Amino acid sequence: MVKVIASQIRKGNIVDLDGKLCVVLHAESFHPGKGTPTTQIDMRRISDGVKTQMRYKTTDQVERAHVEEVEFSYLYQDAEGFHFMNDETYDQVQMQADMVGDAAPYLQEGMKVNLAIHEGLPISIEIPQKVTLEITETEPVVKGQTASGSFKPAILSNGVRTMVPTHIVPGTRVVVMTADGAYVERAKD
């Protein structure tokens, strides 16, 4: 375990809270005009998925668990969870759906992901920031709606809803952000 000051904790870090490992979901520092600066950390206990919120003085010490970042390839999903393979050792690991969380719809077969491994078990996942997906449904352009800044709702091939420019039609491949599904650009392939 490594002790760090609370203001250095970031999203995705693994901390030891009373002997239980927690993954940081959100960390924010507050610097009021008067009073002590604080850091609020939202986290989820890895063992049972319980979410908790802690507030520390920014100079308080927090125990950060030693976690190894390893690149894996996504294989498939079944009733037991999501399966990944280490390309170097061919070791396979499985993660439960609740641990994969919001990343699940964006996983594509063969996609390279980084898994945080603690004592041989995967505890969190980091997927690429952008993915290329196909538009399966979108509304037709309304006549007169040609303003360059206008967007319309669309459904991606993974089922996620997003907003796209009016010139995008079903079948078009687009690049979206995995954090929120936001449209970035038309795919160049």
N, C-alpha and C. Protein backbone atom coordinates (compact mmCIF):
# COMPACT_ATOMS: atom_id res chain seq x y z
N MET A 1 0.84 -1.19 0.00
CA MET A 1 0.00 0.00 0.00
C MET A 1 0.88 1.25 0.00
N VAL A 2 0.43 2.25 -0.71
CA VAL A 2 1.14 3.52 -0.81
C VAL A 2 0.23 4.61 -0.26
N LYS A 3 0.75 5.44 0.61
CA LYS A 3 -0.05 6.55 1.14
C LYS A 3 0.18 7.78 0.26
N VAL A 4 -0.93 8.39 -0.16
CA VAL A 4 -0.87 9.62 -0.95
C VAL A 4 -1.83 10.63 -0.33
N ILE A 5 -1.62 11.91 -0.64
CA ILE A 5 -2.55 12.90 -0.10
C ILE A 5 -3.85 12.85 -0.90
N ALA A 6 -4.95 13.15 -0.25
CA ALA A 6 -6.29 13.00 -0.83
C ALA A 6 -6.45 13.75 -2.14
N SER A 7 -5.82 14.92 -2.29
CA SER A 7 -6.00 15.71 -3.51
C SER A 7 -5.35 15.06 -4.73
N GLN A 8 -4.53 14.01 -4.54
CA GLN A 8 -3.89 13.33 -5.66
C GLN A 8 -4.72 12.15 -6.17
N ILE A 9 -5.81 11.81 -5.50
CA ILE A 9 -6.65 10.69 -5.91
C ILE A 9 -7.44 11.08 -7.16
N ARG A 10 -7.47 10.18 -8.14
CA ARG A 10 -8.17 10.43 -9.40
C ARG A 10 -9.16 9.30 -9.70
N LYS A 11 -10.08 9.56 -10.63
CA LYS A 11 -11.05 8.55 -11.07
C LYS A 11 -10.29 7.32 -11.57
N GLY A 12 -10.76 6.14 -11.16
CA GLY A 12 -10.13 4.90 -11.59
C GLY A 12 -9.08 4.36 -10.61
N ASN A 13 -8.59 5.23 -9.69
CA ASN A 13 -7.64 4.75 -8.69
C ASN A 13 -8.32 3.75 -7.76
N ILE A 14 -7.51 2.88 -7.17
CA ILE A 14 -8.02 1.91 -6.20
C ILE A 14 -7.48 2.31 -4.84
N VAL A 15 -8.38 2.50 -3.88
CA VAL A 15 -7.95 2.89 -2.53
C VAL A 15 -8.37 1.82 -1.52
N ASP A 16 -7.64 1.76 -0.41
CA ASP A 16 -7.94 0.82 0.66
C ASP A 16 -8.68 1.60 1.74
N LEU A 17 -9.94 1.27 1.94
CA LEU A 17 -10.76 1.95 2.94
C LEU A 17 -11.12 0.93 4.00
N ASP A 18 -10.51 1.03 5.16
CA ASP A 18 -10.75 0.11 6.28
C ASP A 18 -10.55 -1.36 5.87
N GLY A 19 -9.51 -1.62 5.10
CA GLY A 19 -9.20 -2.99 4.70
C GLY A 19 -9.98 -3.51 3.51
N LYS A 20 -10.88 -2.69 2.94
CA LYS A 20 -11.65 -3.10 1.77
C LYS A 20 -11.23 -2.23 0.59
N LEU A 21 -11.06 -2.87 -0.58
CA LEU A 21 -10.66 -2.13 -1.78
C LEU A 21 -11.85 -1.43 -2.40
N CYS A 22 -11.64 -0.18 -2.81
CA CYS A 22 -12.69 0.61 -3.46
C CYS A 22 -12.12 1.24 -4.72
N VAL A 23 -12.92 1.28 -5.77
CA VAL A 23 -12.52 1.96 -7.01
C VAL A 23 -13.13 3.36 -6.97
N VAL A 24 -12.32 4.37 -7.30
CA VAL A 24 -12.76 5.76 -7.26
C VAL A 24 -13.60 6.05 -8.50
N LEU A 25 -14.84 6.52 -8.29
CA LEU A 25 -15.74 6.87 -9.39
C LEU A 25 -15.63 8.34 -9.74
N HIS A 26 -15.37 9.17 -8.73
CA HIS A 26 -15.29 10.62 -8.94
C HIS A 26 -14.51 11.23 -7.78
N ALA A 27 -13.62 12.15 -8.08
CA ALA A 27 -12.87 12.85 -7.02
C ALA A 27 -12.84 14.33 -7.37
N GLU A 28 -13.20 15.16 -6.40
CA GLU A 28 -13.25 16.60 -6.64
C GLU A 28 -12.72 17.34 -5.42
N SER A 29 -11.85 18.31 -5.69
CA SER A 29 -11.29 19.13 -4.60
C SER A 29 -12.04 20.46 -4.53
N PHE A 30 -12.32 20.90 -3.31
CA PHE A 30 -13.01 22.17 -3.08
C PHE A 30 -12.06 23.10 -2.32
N HIS A 31 -11.94 24.34 -2.79
CA HIS A 31 -11.09 25.32 -2.14
C HIS A 31 -11.94 26.54 -1.79
N PRO A 32 -12.60 26.51 -0.64
CA PRO A 32 -13.43 27.65 -0.25
C PRO A 32 -12.57 28.87 0.08
N GLY A 33 -13.17 30.05 -0.01
CA GLY A 33 -12.45 31.27 0.32
C GLY A 33 -11.96 31.24 1.76
N LYS A 34 -12.81 30.76 2.65
CA LYS A 34 -12.45 30.62 4.06
C LYS A 34 -12.52 29.14 4.41
N GLY A 35 -11.76 28.73 5.35
CA GLY A 35 -11.85 27.34 5.80
C GLY A 35 -10.82 26.44 5.13
N THR A 36 -10.95 25.18 5.43
CA THR A 36 -9.99 24.18 4.97
C THR A 36 -10.37 23.61 3.60
N PRO A 37 -9.42 23.54 2.67
CA PRO A 37 -9.72 22.88 1.39
C PRO A 37 -10.00 21.39 1.63
N THR A 38 -10.98 20.86 0.90
CA THR A 38 -11.34 19.45 1.09
C THR A 38 -11.39 18.74 -0.26
N THR A 39 -11.33 17.41 -0.20
CA THR A 39 -11.48 16.58 -1.39
C THR A 39 -12.60 15.58 -1.11
N GLN A 40 -13.59 15.56 -2.00
CA GLN A 40 -14.69 14.60 -1.86
C GLN A 40 -14.45 13.48 -2.86
N ILE A 41 -14.52 12.24 -2.37
CA ILE A 41 -14.25 11.07 -3.20
C ILE A 41 -15.47 10.15 -3.18
N ASP A 42 -16.04 9.91 -4.38
CA ASP A 42 -17.13 8.93 -4.53
C ASP A 42 -16.47 7.64 -4.97
N MET A 43 -16.79 6.53 -4.29
CA MET A 43 -16.17 5.25 -4.64
C MET A 43 -17.14 4.10 -4.49
N ARG A 44 -16.76 2.95 -5.10
CA ARG A 44 -17.56 1.74 -5.02
C ARG A 44 -16.68 0.62 -4.48
N ARG A 45 -17.18 -0.05 -3.42
CA ARG A 45 -16.45 -1.18 -2.85
C ARG A 45 -16.42 -2.30 -3.88
N ILE A 46 -15.26 -2.84 -4.15
CA ILE A 46 -15.10 -3.87 -5.18
C ILE A 46 -15.75 -5.18 -4.76
N SER A 47 -15.67 -5.53 -3.49
CA SER A 47 -16.18 -6.82 -3.02
C SER A 47 -17.69 -6.97 -3.19
N ASP A 48 -18.46 -5.91 -2.89
CA ASP A 48 -19.92 -6.06 -2.94
C ASP A 48 -20.64 -4.96 -3.73
N GLY A 49 -19.90 -4.02 -4.32
CA GLY A 49 -20.50 -3.00 -5.17
C GLY A 49 -21.18 -1.85 -4.44
N VAL A 50 -21.07 -1.79 -3.10
CA VAL A 50 -21.69 -0.72 -2.33
C VAL A 50 -20.96 0.59 -2.60
N LYS A 51 -21.74 1.64 -2.92
CA LYS A 51 -21.14 2.95 -3.17
C LYS A 51 -21.03 3.71 -1.87
N THR A 52 -19.95 4.48 -1.75
CA THR A 52 -19.72 5.28 -0.56
C THR A 52 -19.10 6.61 -0.96
N GLN A 53 -19.23 7.58 -0.07
CA GLN A 53 -18.70 8.91 -0.33
C GLN A 53 -17.90 9.34 0.89
N MET A 54 -16.69 9.82 0.67
CA MET A 54 -15.85 10.27 1.78
C MET A 54 -15.37 11.68 1.49
N ARG A 55 -15.20 12.46 2.57
CA ARG A 55 -14.66 13.80 2.44
C ARG A 55 -13.42 13.89 3.31
N TYR A 56 -12.32 14.32 2.71
CA TYR A 56 -11.04 14.43 3.41
C TYR A 56 -10.53 15.86 3.30
N LYS A 57 -9.67 16.25 4.26
CA LYS A 57 -8.90 17.47 4.06
C LYS A 57 -7.94 17.14 2.92
N THR A 58 -7.61 18.10 2.07
CA THR A 58 -6.78 17.80 0.91
C THR A 58 -5.40 17.27 1.29
N THR A 59 -4.97 17.50 2.53
CA THR A 59 -3.65 17.02 2.95
C THR A 59 -3.71 15.70 3.71
N ASP A 60 -4.93 15.16 3.96
CA ASP A 60 -5.05 13.87 4.64
C ASP A 60 -4.41 12.77 3.80
N GLN A 61 -3.90 11.76 4.49
CA GLN A 61 -3.28 10.62 3.81
C GLN A 61 -4.34 9.55 3.50
N VAL A 62 -4.31 9.03 2.27
CA VAL A 62 -5.23 7.98 1.84
C VAL A 62 -4.37 6.83 1.32
N GLU A 63 -4.75 5.59 1.68
CA GLU A 63 -3.98 4.43 1.23
C GLU A 63 -4.42 4.01 -0.16
N ARG A 64 -3.48 4.05 -1.10
CA ARG A 64 -3.75 3.64 -2.48
C ARG A 64 -3.22 2.23 -2.66
N ALA A 65 -4.06 1.32 -3.13
CA ALA A 65 -3.66 -0.08 -3.30
C ALA A 65 -2.76 -0.24 -4.52
N HIS A 66 -1.84 -1.18 -4.45
CA HIS A 66 -0.97 -1.46 -5.59
C HIS A 66 -1.76 -2.27 -6.61
N VAL A 67 -1.92 -1.69 -7.78
CA VAL A 67 -2.70 -2.32 -8.83
C VAL A 67 -1.85 -2.35 -10.09
N GLU A 68 -1.90 -3.47 -10.79
CA GLU A 68 -1.14 -3.62 -12.01
C GLU A 68 -2.07 -3.38 -13.20
N GLU A 69 -1.67 -2.50 -14.12
CA GLU A 69 -2.44 -2.24 -15.33
C GLU A 69 -1.95 -3.20 -16.41
N VAL A 70 -2.84 -4.03 -16.95
CA VAL A 70 -2.46 -5.01 -17.96
C VAL A 70 -3.41 -4.89 -19.15
N GLU A 71 -2.82 -4.95 -20.37
CA GLU A 71 -3.66 -4.88 -21.57
C GLU A 71 -4.24 -6.25 -21.90
N PHE A 72 -5.54 -6.29 -22.13
CA PHE A 72 -6.26 -7.51 -22.49
C PHE A 72 -7.06 -7.25 -23.76
N SER A 73 -7.48 -8.31 -24.43
CA SER A 73 -8.40 -8.22 -25.56
C SER A 73 -9.76 -8.74 -25.10
N TYR A 74 -10.81 -8.02 -25.50
CA TYR A 74 -12.16 -8.46 -25.16
C TYR A 74 -12.52 -9.64 -26.06
N LEU A 75 -13.05 -10.72 -25.47
CA LEU A 75 -13.43 -11.90 -26.22
C LEU A 75 -14.93 -11.96 -26.46
N TYR A 76 -15.72 -12.13 -25.38
CA TYR A 76 -17.16 -12.29 -25.53
C TYR A 76 -17.85 -12.10 -24.18
N GLN A 77 -19.19 -12.07 -24.24
CA GLN A 77 -20.01 -11.98 -23.04
C GLN A 77 -20.94 -13.19 -23.01
N ASP A 78 -21.12 -13.77 -21.83
CA ASP A 78 -22.08 -14.85 -21.66
C ASP A 78 -22.77 -14.67 -20.30
N ALA A 79 -23.49 -15.68 -19.86
CA ALA A 79 -24.24 -15.59 -18.60
C ALA A 79 -23.33 -15.38 -17.39
N GLU A 80 -22.07 -15.81 -17.48
CA GLU A 80 -21.13 -15.67 -16.36
C GLU A 80 -20.49 -14.28 -16.30
N GLY A 81 -20.53 -13.53 -17.39
CA GLY A 81 -19.93 -12.20 -17.40
C GLY A 81 -19.19 -11.93 -18.69
N PHE A 82 -18.22 -11.01 -18.61
CA PHE A 82 -17.43 -10.59 -19.76
C PHE A 82 -16.07 -11.28 -19.69
N HIS A 83 -15.60 -11.80 -20.82
CA HIS A 83 -14.36 -12.56 -20.85
C HIS A 83 -13.28 -11.81 -21.64
N PHE A 84 -12.06 -11.79 -21.08
CA PHE A 84 -10.93 -11.08 -21.68
C PHE A 84 -9.73 -12.01 -21.72
N MET A 85 -8.80 -11.75 -22.67
CA MET A 85 -7.60 -12.58 -22.78
C MET A 85 -6.37 -11.69 -22.85
N ASN A 86 -5.34 -12.09 -22.10
CA ASN A 86 -4.03 -11.43 -22.15
C ASN A 86 -3.34 -11.93 -23.41
N ASP A 87 -3.00 -11.04 -24.35
CA ASP A 87 -2.42 -11.45 -25.64
C ASP A 87 -1.02 -12.04 -25.50
N GLU A 88 -0.32 -11.71 -24.43
CA GLU A 88 1.04 -12.23 -24.27
C GLU A 88 1.06 -13.61 -23.62
N THR A 89 0.25 -13.80 -22.58
CA THR A 89 0.28 -15.07 -21.84
C THR A 89 -0.88 -15.99 -22.19
N TYR A 90 -1.87 -15.48 -22.92
CA TYR A 90 -3.09 -16.20 -23.28
C TYR A 90 -3.94 -16.56 -22.06
N ASP A 91 -3.66 -15.93 -20.90
CA ASP A 91 -4.49 -16.13 -19.72
C ASP A 91 -5.84 -15.45 -19.97
N GLN A 92 -6.91 -16.10 -19.50
CA GLN A 92 -8.23 -15.50 -19.65
C GLN A 92 -8.77 -15.13 -18.28
N VAL A 93 -9.45 -13.97 -18.21
CA VAL A 93 -10.09 -13.53 -16.97
C VAL A 93 -11.52 -13.16 -17.29
N GLN A 94 -12.34 -13.15 -16.24
CA GLN A 94 -13.75 -12.84 -16.39
C GLN A 94 -14.11 -11.71 -15.43
N MET A 95 -14.98 -10.80 -15.89
CA MET A 95 -15.46 -9.71 -15.03
C MET A 95 -16.98 -9.74 -15.02
N GLN A 96 -17.57 -9.46 -13.85
CA GLN A 96 -19.02 -9.40 -13.72
C GLN A 96 -19.54 -8.14 -14.42
N ALA A 97 -20.79 -8.18 -14.85
CA ALA A 97 -21.41 -7.07 -15.57
C ALA A 97 -21.40 -5.78 -14.76
N ASP A 98 -21.62 -5.87 -13.43
CA ASP A 98 -21.65 -4.65 -12.63
C ASP A 98 -20.27 -4.00 -12.53
N MET A 99 -19.20 -4.78 -12.68
CA MET A 99 -17.85 -4.21 -12.65
C MET A 99 -17.51 -3.53 -13.98
N VAL A 100 -18.04 -4.05 -15.09
CA VAL A 100 -17.80 -3.46 -16.40
C VAL A 100 -18.62 -2.17 -16.52
N GLY A 101 -19.84 -2.19 -16.00
CA GLY A 101 -20.68 -0.99 -15.91
C GLY A 101 -21.02 -0.35 -17.24
N ASP A 102 -20.83 0.98 -17.31
CA ASP A 102 -21.21 1.76 -18.49
C ASP A 102 -20.36 1.44 -19.72
N ALA A 103 -19.26 0.75 -19.55
CA ALA A 103 -18.39 0.42 -20.68
C ALA A 103 -18.97 -0.72 -21.52
N ALA A 104 -19.88 -1.51 -20.96
CA ALA A 104 -20.40 -2.72 -21.62
C ALA A 104 -20.90 -2.51 -23.05
N PRO A 105 -21.75 -1.51 -23.33
CA PRO A 105 -22.27 -1.39 -24.70
C PRO A 105 -21.18 -1.09 -25.74
N TYR A 106 -20.06 -0.55 -25.31
CA TYR A 106 -19.02 -0.14 -26.26
C TYR A 106 -17.98 -1.23 -26.52
N LEU A 107 -18.03 -2.33 -25.75
CA LEU A 107 -17.06 -3.41 -25.97
C LEU A 107 -17.31 -4.08 -27.31
N GLN A 108 -16.24 -4.26 -28.08
CA GLN A 108 -16.32 -4.92 -29.38
C GLN A 108 -15.30 -6.04 -29.40
N GLU A 109 -15.64 -7.14 -30.06
CA GLU A 109 -14.77 -8.30 -30.11
C GLU A 109 -13.37 -7.91 -30.58
N GLY A 110 -12.35 -8.32 -29.81
CA GLY A 110 -10.96 -8.01 -30.16
C GLY A 110 -10.47 -6.67 -29.66
N MET A 111 -11.36 -5.85 -29.06
CA MET A 111 -10.97 -4.52 -28.58
C MET A 111 -9.92 -4.64 -27.48
N LYS A 112 -8.89 -3.78 -27.54
CA LYS A 112 -7.85 -3.74 -26.52
C LYS A 112 -8.35 -2.87 -25.36
N VAL A 113 -8.32 -3.42 -24.15
CA VAL A 113 -8.74 -2.70 -22.95
C VAL A 113 -7.65 -2.85 -21.89
N ASN A 114 -7.62 -1.94 -20.94
CA ASN A 114 -6.70 -2.07 -19.81
C ASN A 114 -7.49 -2.50 -18.59
N LEU A 115 -7.06 -3.60 -17.99
CA LEU A 115 -7.70 -4.08 -16.76
C LEU A 115 -6.77 -3.81 -15.60
N ALA A 116 -7.32 -3.33 -14.50
CA ALA A 116 -6.55 -3.16 -13.27
C ALA A 116 -6.61 -4.49 -12.54
N ILE A 117 -5.44 -5.08 -12.30
CA ILE A 117 -5.36 -6.40 -11.68
C ILE A 117 -4.79 -6.25 -10.27
N HIS A 118 -5.51 -6.78 -9.27
CA HIS A 118 -5.05 -6.75 -7.88
C HIS A 118 -5.07 -8.18 -7.37
N GLU A 119 -3.91 -8.67 -6.99
CA GLU A 119 -3.76 -10.04 -6.49
C GLU A 119 -4.38 -11.06 -7.45
N GLY A 120 -4.13 -10.87 -8.76
CA GLY A 120 -4.57 -11.82 -9.77
C GLY A 120 -6.01 -11.68 -10.23
N LEU A 121 -6.77 -10.77 -9.64
CA LEU A 121 -8.19 -10.60 -10.02
C LEU A 121 -8.41 -9.24 -10.67
N PRO A 122 -9.20 -9.19 -11.76
CA PRO A 122 -9.52 -7.89 -12.37
C PRO A 122 -10.49 -7.12 -11.48
N ILE A 123 -10.19 -5.84 -11.27
CA ILE A 123 -11.07 -5.05 -10.40
C ILE A 123 -11.65 -3.82 -11.09
N SER A 124 -11.06 -3.39 -12.20
CA SER A 124 -11.67 -2.29 -12.96
C SER A 124 -11.20 -2.35 -14.40
N ILE A 125 -11.94 -1.66 -15.27
CA ILE A 125 -11.67 -1.70 -16.71
C ILE A 125 -11.56 -0.29 -17.25
N GLU A 126 -10.67 -0.12 -18.23
CA GLU A 126 -10.54 1.15 -18.92
C GLU A 126 -10.59 0.84 -20.40
N ILE A 127 -11.57 1.41 -21.11
CA ILE A 127 -11.73 1.15 -22.54
C ILE A 127 -11.23 2.37 -23.32
N PRO A 128 -11.02 2.23 -24.64
CA PRO A 128 -10.59 3.39 -25.44
C PRO A 128 -11.58 4.54 -25.31
N GLN A 129 -11.09 5.78 -25.46
CA GLN A 129 -11.95 6.95 -25.31
C GLN A 129 -12.96 7.08 -26.44
N LYS A 130 -12.58 6.60 -27.64
CA LYS A 130 -13.46 6.71 -28.80
C LYS A 130 -13.62 5.35 -29.47
N VAL A 131 -14.82 5.10 -30.01
CA VAL A 131 -15.07 3.88 -30.80
C VAL A 131 -15.84 4.25 -32.05
N THR A 132 -15.74 3.40 -33.06
CA THR A 132 -16.47 3.60 -34.31
C THR A 132 -17.66 2.64 -34.33
N LEU A 133 -18.84 3.19 -34.53
CA LEU A 133 -20.07 2.40 -34.58
C LEU A 133 -20.92 2.85 -35.76
N GLU A 134 -21.89 2.03 -36.11
CA GLU A 134 -22.77 2.34 -37.23
C GLU A 134 -24.10 2.89 -36.71
N ILE A 135 -24.67 3.84 -37.45
CA ILE A 135 -25.99 4.38 -37.13
C ILE A 135 -27.02 3.39 -37.66
N THR A 136 -27.93 2.90 -36.81
CA THR A 136 -28.96 1.96 -37.27
C THR A 136 -30.29 2.65 -37.53
N GLU A 137 -30.56 3.71 -36.77
CA GLU A 137 -31.83 4.44 -36.94
C GLU A 137 -31.58 5.91 -36.72
N THR A 138 -32.25 6.73 -37.52
CA THR A 138 -32.24 8.16 -37.29
C THR A 138 -33.45 8.77 -37.99
N GLU A 139 -33.84 9.94 -37.54
CA GLU A 139 -35.00 10.59 -38.15
C GLU A 139 -34.60 11.23 -39.47
N PRO A 140 -35.53 11.28 -40.44
CA PRO A 140 -35.20 11.97 -41.70
C PRO A 140 -35.04 13.46 -41.45
N VAL A 141 -34.32 14.11 -42.34
CA VAL A 141 -34.10 15.56 -42.20
C VAL A 141 -35.41 16.28 -42.47
N VAL A 142 -35.74 17.22 -41.60
CA VAL A 142 -36.94 18.03 -41.78
C VAL A 142 -36.58 19.16 -42.74
N LYS A 143 -37.39 19.38 -43.76
CA LYS A 143 -37.11 20.42 -44.76
C LYS A 143 -36.96 21.77 -44.06
N GLY A 144 -35.92 22.48 -44.41
CA GLY A 144 -35.67 23.78 -43.81
C GLY A 144 -34.75 23.70 -42.60
N GLN A 145 -34.47 22.47 -42.13
CA GLN A 145 -33.59 22.30 -40.96
C GLN A 145 -32.17 22.05 -41.46
N THR A 146 -31.58 23.09 -42.04
CA THR A 146 -30.25 22.92 -42.62
C THR A 146 -29.18 23.70 -41.88
N ALA A 147 -29.52 24.23 -40.74
CA ALA A 147 -28.52 24.99 -39.97
C ALA A 147 -27.35 24.07 -39.61
N SER A 148 -26.14 24.58 -39.75
CA SER A 148 -24.95 23.74 -39.55
C SER A 148 -24.83 23.22 -38.12
N GLY A 149 -25.43 23.90 -37.16
CA GLY A 149 -25.29 23.48 -35.77
C GLY A 149 -26.41 22.58 -35.27
N SER A 150 -27.33 22.16 -36.16
CA SER A 150 -28.47 21.38 -35.66
C SER A 150 -28.17 19.89 -35.65
N PHE A 151 -28.72 19.22 -34.64
CA PHE A 151 -28.52 17.78 -34.45
C PHE A 151 -29.86 17.09 -34.37
N LYS A 152 -29.86 15.78 -34.61
CA LYS A 152 -31.09 14.98 -34.52
C LYS A 152 -30.77 13.70 -33.75
N PRO A 153 -31.77 13.07 -33.11
CA PRO A 153 -31.51 11.83 -32.36
C PRO A 153 -31.21 10.67 -33.31
N ALA A 154 -30.36 9.75 -32.84
CA ALA A 154 -30.02 8.56 -33.61
C ALA A 154 -29.75 7.41 -32.65
N ILE A 155 -29.83 6.17 -33.17
CA ILE A 155 -29.52 4.98 -32.37
C ILE A 155 -28.32 4.30 -33.02
N LEU A 156 -27.31 4.01 -32.20
CA LEU A 156 -26.09 3.36 -32.68
C LEU A 156 -26.29 1.84 -32.73
N SER A 157 -25.38 1.15 -33.40
CA SER A 157 -25.48 -0.31 -33.54
C SER A 157 -25.41 -1.04 -32.20
N ASN A 158 -24.90 -0.38 -31.15
CA ASN A 158 -24.85 -1.01 -29.83
C ASN A 158 -26.09 -0.68 -29.00
N GLY A 159 -27.06 0.03 -29.58
CA GLY A 159 -28.31 0.36 -28.89
C GLY A 159 -28.29 1.66 -28.13
N VAL A 160 -27.15 2.34 -28.08
CA VAL A 160 -27.04 3.61 -27.35
C VAL A 160 -27.63 4.74 -28.19
N ARG A 161 -28.38 5.63 -27.54
CA ARG A 161 -28.95 6.80 -28.21
C ARG A 161 -27.93 7.93 -28.17
N THR A 162 -27.86 8.71 -29.26
CA THR A 162 -26.95 9.84 -29.34
C THR A 162 -27.56 10.90 -30.24
N MET A 163 -26.91 12.04 -30.32
CA MET A 163 -27.34 13.11 -31.22
C MET A 163 -26.28 13.25 -32.31
N VAL A 164 -26.74 13.31 -33.58
CA VAL A 164 -25.82 13.41 -34.72
C VAL A 164 -26.24 14.59 -35.60
N PRO A 165 -25.30 15.11 -36.41
CA PRO A 165 -25.66 16.18 -37.34
C PRO A 165 -26.75 15.71 -38.32
N THR A 166 -27.49 16.66 -38.88
CA THR A 166 -28.64 16.32 -39.72
C THR A 166 -28.27 15.58 -40.99
N HIS A 167 -27.04 15.68 -41.48
CA HIS A 167 -26.65 15.00 -42.74
C HIS A 167 -26.35 13.51 -42.55
N ILE A 168 -26.28 13.00 -41.32
CA ILE A 168 -25.98 11.60 -41.05
C ILE A 168 -27.23 10.75 -41.30
N VAL A 169 -27.08 9.65 -42.06
CA VAL A 169 -28.20 8.76 -42.38
C VAL A 169 -27.91 7.36 -41.85
N PRO A 170 -28.95 6.49 -41.71
CA PRO A 170 -28.69 5.11 -41.27
C PRO A 170 -27.66 4.42 -42.17
N GLY A 171 -26.78 3.61 -41.54
CA GLY A 171 -25.72 2.94 -42.28
C GLY A 171 -24.39 3.68 -42.23
N THR A 172 -24.42 4.94 -41.81
CA THR A 172 -23.19 5.72 -41.72
C THR A 172 -22.40 5.29 -40.49
N ARG A 173 -21.08 5.13 -40.65
CA ARG A 173 -20.22 4.79 -39.51
C ARG A 173 -19.71 6.10 -38.91
N VAL A 174 -19.86 6.21 -37.57
CA VAL A 174 -19.45 7.43 -36.88
C VAL A 174 -18.56 7.09 -35.69
N VAL A 175 -17.75 8.07 -35.27
CA VAL A 175 -16.90 7.93 -34.10
C VAL A 175 -17.62 8.62 -32.94
N VAL A 176 -17.74 7.90 -31.80
CA VAL A 176 -18.40 8.46 -30.61
C VAL A 176 -17.49 8.32 -29.39
N MET A 177 -17.71 9.17 -28.41
CA MET A 177 -16.98 9.11 -27.13
C MET A 177 -17.60 8.01 -26.28
N THR A 178 -16.76 7.16 -25.66
CA THR A 178 -17.29 6.08 -24.84
C THR A 178 -17.77 6.58 -23.48
N ALA A 179 -17.32 7.75 -23.06
CA ALA A 179 -17.73 8.26 -21.75
C ALA A 179 -19.21 8.61 -21.72
N ASP A 180 -19.73 9.21 -22.82
CA ASP A 180 -21.12 9.65 -22.82
C ASP A 180 -21.87 9.37 -24.12
N GLY A 181 -21.24 8.72 -25.09
CA GLY A 181 -21.91 8.42 -26.36
C GLY A 181 -22.01 9.60 -27.30
N ALA A 182 -21.31 10.70 -27.01
CA ALA A 182 -21.41 11.91 -27.83
C ALA A 182 -20.74 11.72 -29.20
N TYR A 183 -21.38 12.24 -30.24
CA TYR A 183 -20.86 12.20 -31.61
C TYR A 183 -19.57 13.01 -31.70
N VAL A 184 -18.55 12.46 -32.36
CA VAL A 184 -17.30 13.18 -32.57
C VAL A 184 -17.16 13.57 -34.03
N GLU A 185 -17.22 12.55 -34.92
CA GLU A 185 -17.05 12.80 -36.35
C GLU A 185 -17.52 11.59 -37.14
N ARG A 186 -17.60 11.77 -38.44
CA ARG A 186 -17.90 10.66 -39.34
C ARG A 186 -16.64 9.80 -39.42
N ALA A 187 -16.82 8.47 -39.45
CA ALA A 187 -15.66 7.57 -39.51
C ALA A 187 -14.95 7.73 -40.84
N LYS A 188 -13.62 7.61 -40.83
CA LYS A 188 -12.84 7.81 -42.04
C LYS A 188 -12.64 6.52 -42.83
N ASP A 189 -13.18 5.39 -42.33
CA ASP A 189 -12.97 4.11 -43.05
C ASP A 189 -14.02 3.86 -44.11
